[in-house]
Amino acid sequence: MRTLETVAHGGSLSGRTELYVLPGFDFRRVDMLLTNFHLPRSTLLALVMAFAGVEETRRLYRVAIEERYRFYSFGDAMLIL
């Protein structure tokens, strides 16, 4: 996502990106996200909140906890459309 959005915002196709996707971000290219359930207060969770919305992400995480989904890299994932 960060690479696609970096290019969509005028960034280079080579090198590293300095882009951080936080709530309020203006998405120009990405319209769906497949991701794991991430740690609280992480930049990855901030990215998910930017994409799905803060309240919707909180709701999704409540469901995941209630259903005993596994978190982190080897856990369950979600597709956000």
C-alpha atoms as a PDB file:
ATOM      1  CA  MET A   1       0.000   0.000   0.000  1.00  0.00           C
ATOM      2  CA  ARG A   2       2.705   2.475   0.933  1.00  0.00           C
ATOM      3  CA  THR A   3       4.525   1.909  -2.363  1.00  0.00           C
ATOM      4  CA  LEU A   4       1.395   2.290  -4.486  1.00  0.00           C
ATOM      5  CA  GLU A   5       0.284   5.395  -2.625  1.00  0.00           C
ATOM      6  CA  THR A   6       3.784   6.895  -2.720  1.00  0.00           C
ATOM      7  CA  VAL A   7       3.782   6.671  -6.523  1.00  0.00           C
ATOM      8  CA  ALA A   8       0.168   7.922  -6.721  1.00  0.00           C
ATOM      9  CA  HIS A   9       1.202  10.978  -4.685  1.00  0.00           C
ATOM     10  CA  GLY A  10       4.089  11.769  -7.059  1.00  0.00           C
ATOM     11  CA  GLY A  11       6.851   9.748  -5.422  1.00  0.00           C
ATOM     12  CA  SER A  12       9.604   7.798  -7.152  1.00  0.00           C
ATOM     13  CA  LEU A  13       9.452   4.202  -8.384  1.00  0.00           C
ATOM     14  CA  SER A  14      12.888   3.550  -6.906  1.00  0.00           C
ATOM     15  CA  GLY A  15      14.409   3.865  -3.461  1.00  0.00           C
ATOM     16  CA  ARG A  16      12.583   3.975  -0.146  1.00  0.00           C
ATOM     17  CA  THR A  17       9.350   5.640   0.797  1.00  0.00           C
ATOM     18  CA  GLU A  18       8.991   8.046   3.684  1.00  0.00           C
ATOM     19  CA  LEU A  19       5.192   7.803   3.510  1.00  0.00           C
ATOM     20  CA  TYR A  20       3.285   6.980   6.680  1.00  0.00           C
ATOM     21  CA  VAL A  21      -0.410   6.255   6.214  1.00  0.00           C
ATOM     22  CA  LEU A  22      -2.371   7.622   9.152  1.00  0.00           C
ATOM     23  CA  PRO A  23      -6.084   8.369   9.694  1.00  0.00           C
ATOM     24  CA  GLY A  24      -7.120  11.198   7.392  1.00  0.00           C
ATOM     25  CA  PHE A  25      -4.847  10.013   4.568  1.00  0.00           C
ATOM     26  CA  ASP A  26      -6.033  10.751   1.012  1.00  0.00           C
ATOM     27  CA  PHE A  27      -6.047   7.366  -0.772  1.00  0.00           C
ATOM     28  CA  ARG A  28      -5.567   7.739  -4.518  1.00  0.00           C
ATOM     29  CA  ARG A  29      -4.808   4.226  -5.714  1.00  0.00           C
ATOM     30  CA  VAL A  30      -5.603   1.499  -3.158  1.00  0.00           C
ATOM     31  CA  ASP A  31      -9.247   0.435  -2.799  1.00  0.00           C
ATOM     32  CA  MET A  32      -8.928  -2.825  -0.842  1.00  0.00           C
ATOM     33  CA  LEU A  33      -6.611  -4.208   1.818  1.00  0.00           C
ATOM     34  CA  LEU A  34      -5.654  -7.734   2.896  1.00  0.00           C
ATOM     35  CA  THR A  35      -3.916  -7.561   6.257  1.00  0.00           C
ATOM     36  CA  ASN A  36      -3.287  -9.334   9.551  1.00  0.00           C
ATOM     37  CA  PHE A  37      -4.534  -8.135  12.927  1.00  0.00           C
ATOM     38  CA  HIS A  38      -1.776  -5.854  14.231  1.00  0.00           C
ATOM     39  CA  LEU A  39      -0.449  -4.761  17.602  1.00  0.00           C
ATOM     40  CA  PRO A  40      -2.023  -1.775  19.364  1.00  0.00           C
ATOM     41  CA  ARG A  41      -0.275   1.574  18.820  1.00  0.00           C
ATOM     42  CA  SER A  42       1.622   0.301  15.761  1.00  0.00           C
ATOM     43  CA  THR A  43       2.036   2.094  12.445  1.00  0.00           C
ATOM     44  CA  LEU A  44       0.428  -0.916  10.758  1.00  0.00           C
ATOM     45  CA  LEU A  45      -2.700  -0.540  12.870  1.00  0.00           C
ATOM     46  CA  ALA A  46      -2.719   3.187  12.063  1.00  0.00           C
ATOM     47  CA  LEU A  47      -2.628   2.258   8.365  1.00  0.00           C
ATOM     48  CA  VAL A  48      -5.638  -0.049   8.802  1.00  0.00           C
ATOM     49  CA  MET A  49      -7.478   2.695  10.702  1.00  0.00           C
ATOM     50  CA  ALA A  50      -6.711   5.162   7.921  1.00  0.00           C
ATOM     51  CA  PHE A  51      -8.142   2.772   5.360  1.00  0.00           C
ATOM     52  CA  ALA A  52     -11.187   1.348   7.171  1.00  0.00           C
ATOM     53  CA  GLY A  53     -11.860   4.181   9.614  1.00  0.00           C
ATOM     54  CA  VAL A  54     -11.003   4.358  13.290  1.00  0.00           C
ATOM     55  CA  GLU A  55     -14.376   3.260  14.661  1.00  0.00           C
ATOM     56  CA  GLU A  56     -14.838   0.476  12.105  1.00  0.00           C
ATOM     57  CA  THR A  57     -11.360  -0.867  12.897  1.00  0.00           C
ATOM     58  CA  ARG A  58     -12.154  -0.837  16.612  1.00  0.00           C
ATOM     59  CA  ARG A  59     -15.372  -2.757  15.879  1.00  0.00           C
ATOM     60  CA  LEU A  60     -13.500  -5.304  13.756  1.00  0.00           C
ATOM     61  CA  TYR A  61     -10.936  -5.824  16.506  1.00  0.00           C
ATOM     62  CA  ARG A  62     -13.680  -6.327  19.127  1.00  0.00           C
ATOM     63  CA  VAL A  63     -15.172  -9.052  16.918  1.00  0.00           C
ATOM     64  CA  ALA A  64     -11.741 -10.610  16.414  1.00  0.00           C
ATOM     65  CA  ILE A  65     -11.139 -10.719  20.171  1.00  0.00           C
ATOM     66  CA  GLU A  66     -14.601 -12.156  20.862  1.00  0.00           C
ATOM     67  CA  GLU A  67     -14.103 -14.823  18.193  1.00  0.00           C
ATOM     68  CA  ARG A  68     -10.595 -15.594  19.492  1.00  0.00           C
ATOM     69  CA  TYR A  69      -8.837 -14.801  16.211  1.00  0.00           C
ATOM     70  CA  ARG A  70      -5.077 -15.028  16.279  1.00  0.00           C
ATOM     71  CA  PHE A  71      -3.172 -11.758  16.031  1.00  0.00           C
ATOM     72  CA  TYR A  72       0.257 -10.781  14.641  1.00  0.00           C
ATOM     73  CA  SER A  73       2.183 -12.162  11.672  1.00  0.00           C
ATOM     74  CA  PHE A  74       1.110 -15.801  11.878  1.00  0.00           C
ATOM     75  CA  GLY A  75      -2.472 -15.106  12.874  1.00  0.00           C
ATOM     76  CA  ASP A  76      -5.727 -14.602  11.064  1.00  0.00           C
ATOM     77  CA  ALA A  77      -6.205 -11.973   8.390  1.00  0.00           C
ATOM     78  CA  MET A  78      -9.018  -9.796   7.086  1.00  0.00           C
ATOM     79  CA  LEU A  79      -9.935  -8.464   3.667  1.00  0.00           C
ATOM     80  CA  ILE A  80     -11.261  -4.906   3.801  1.00  0.00           C
ATOM     81  CA  LEU A  81     -13.170  -3.813   0.711  1.00  0.00           C
END
